[in-house]
């Protein structure tokens, strides 16, 4: 496909080069909240992560 259309078109079609956005978001999230989950039970782990994600979203929207 790259040979047929060229690198720039292929890159846009397949989304090449967008991974850095996800990596940056994860890095920022970890720098704010750390890498640990404090909860022990799976149900509370999920609740904890949802709460952290909600707070992260609030922080992004206020910046």
C-alpha atoms as a PDB file:
ATOM      1  CA  UNK A   1       0.000   0.000   0.000  1.00  0.00           C
ATOM      2  CA  UNK A   2       2.862   2.395   0.745  1.00  0.00           C
ATOM      3  CA  UNK A   3       4.290   1.805  -2.704  1.00  0.00           C
ATOM      4  CA  UNK A   4       0.918   2.416  -4.324  1.00  0.00           C
ATOM      5  CA  UNK A   5      -0.055   5.643  -2.563  1.00  0.00           C
ATOM      6  CA  UNK A   6       3.075   7.018  -0.950  1.00  0.00           C
ATOM      7  CA  UNK A   7       3.998   7.355   2.695  1.00  0.00           C
ATOM      8  CA  UNK A   8       1.929  10.453   3.523  1.00  0.00           C
ATOM      9  CA  UNK A   9      -1.358   9.029   2.270  1.00  0.00           C
ATOM     10  CA  UNK A  10      -0.659   5.631   3.838  1.00  0.00           C
ATOM     11  CA  UNK A  11       0.171   7.317   7.147  1.00  0.00           C
ATOM     12  CA  UNK A  12      -3.159   9.163   7.211  1.00  0.00           C
ATOM     13  CA  UNK A  13      -5.183   6.119   6.156  1.00  0.00           C
ATOM     14  CA  UNK A  14      -3.769   3.750   8.785  1.00  0.00           C
ATOM     15  CA  UNK A  15      -3.301   6.341  11.535  1.00  0.00           C
ATOM     16  CA  UNK A  16       0.452   5.906  11.727  1.00  0.00           C
ATOM     17  CA  UNK A  17       2.060   8.385  14.093  1.00  0.00           C
ATOM     18  CA  UNK A  18      -0.848   8.774  16.512  1.00  0.00           C
ATOM     19  CA  UNK A  19       0.526   6.467  19.177  1.00  0.00           C
ATOM     20  CA  UNK A  20       2.503   9.323  20.711  1.00  0.00           C
ATOM     21  CA  UNK A  21      -0.749  11.020  21.759  1.00  0.00           C
ATOM     22  CA  UNK A  22      -1.834   7.988  23.770  1.00  0.00           C
ATOM     23  CA  UNK A  23       1.652   7.566  25.234  1.00  0.00           C
ATOM     24  CA  UNK A  24       1.677  11.221  26.305  1.00  0.00           C
ATOM     25  CA  UNK A  25      -1.745  10.948  27.950  1.00  0.00           C
ATOM     26  CA  UNK A  26      -0.712   7.820  29.863  1.00  0.00           C
ATOM     27  CA  UNK A  27       2.526   9.466  30.965  1.00  0.00           C
ATOM     28  CA  UNK A  28       0.689  12.538  32.260  1.00  0.00           C
ATOM     29  CA  UNK A  29      -1.905  10.357  34.008  1.00  0.00           C
ATOM     30  CA  UNK A  30       0.832   8.357  35.746  1.00  0.00           C
ATOM     31  CA  UNK A  31       2.737  11.485  36.758  1.00  0.00           C
ATOM     32  CA  UNK A  32      -0.393  12.852  38.438  1.00  0.00           C
ATOM     33  CA  UNK A  33      -1.750   9.686  40.066  1.00  0.00           C
ATOM     34  CA  UNK A  34       1.244   7.357  40.179  1.00  0.00           C
ATOM     35  CA  UNK A  35       1.475   3.843  38.821  1.00  0.00           C
ATOM     36  CA  UNK A  36      -0.163   2.091  41.759  1.00  0.00           C
ATOM     37  CA  UNK A  37      -3.756   1.133  42.360  1.00  0.00           C
ATOM     38  CA  UNK A  38      -4.398   1.286  46.087  1.00  0.00           C
ATOM     39  CA  UNK A  39      -7.549  -0.832  46.106  1.00  0.00           C
ATOM     40  CA  UNK A  40      -7.269  -4.576  46.629  1.00  0.00           C
ATOM     41  CA  UNK A  41     -10.566  -5.926  45.330  1.00  0.00           C
ATOM     42  CA  UNK A  42     -11.289  -5.838  41.587  1.00  0.00           C
ATOM     43  CA  UNK A  43     -14.567  -3.966  42.066  1.00  0.00           C
ATOM     44  CA  UNK A  44     -12.871  -1.180  43.999  1.00  0.00           C
ATOM     45  CA  UNK A  45      -9.948  -1.130  41.568  1.00  0.00           C
ATOM     46  CA  UNK A  46     -12.421  -0.308  38.828  1.00  0.00           C
ATOM     47  CA  UNK A  47     -14.084   2.366  40.965  1.00  0.00           C
ATOM     48  CA  UNK A  48     -10.698   3.886  41.789  1.00  0.00           C
ATOM     49  CA  UNK A  49      -9.648   4.029  38.140  1.00  0.00           C
ATOM     50  CA  UNK A  50     -12.967   5.516  37.036  1.00  0.00           C
ATOM     51  CA  UNK A  51     -12.608   8.205  39.691  1.00  0.00           C
ATOM     52  CA  UNK A  52      -9.047   8.960  38.625  1.00  0.00           C
ATOM     53  CA  UNK A  53     -10.100   9.124  34.981  1.00  0.00           C
ATOM     54  CA  UNK A  54     -12.935  11.489  35.894  1.00  0.00           C
ATOM     55  CA  UNK A  55     -10.571  13.778  37.801  1.00  0.00           C
ATOM     56  CA  UNK A  56      -8.067  13.645  34.934  1.00  0.00           C
ATOM     57  CA  UNK A  57     -10.811  14.665  32.497  1.00  0.00           C
ATOM     58  CA  UNK A  58     -11.797  17.556  34.752  1.00  0.00           C
ATOM     59  CA  UNK A  59      -8.186  18.702  34.885  1.00  0.00           C
ATOM     60  CA  UNK A  60      -7.898  18.576  31.102  1.00  0.00           C
ATOM     61  CA  UNK A  61     -11.086  20.557  30.615  1.00  0.00           C
ATOM     62  CA  UNK A  62     -10.060  23.310  33.038  1.00  0.00           C
ATOM     63  CA  UNK A  63      -6.610  23.831  31.550  1.00  0.00           C
END
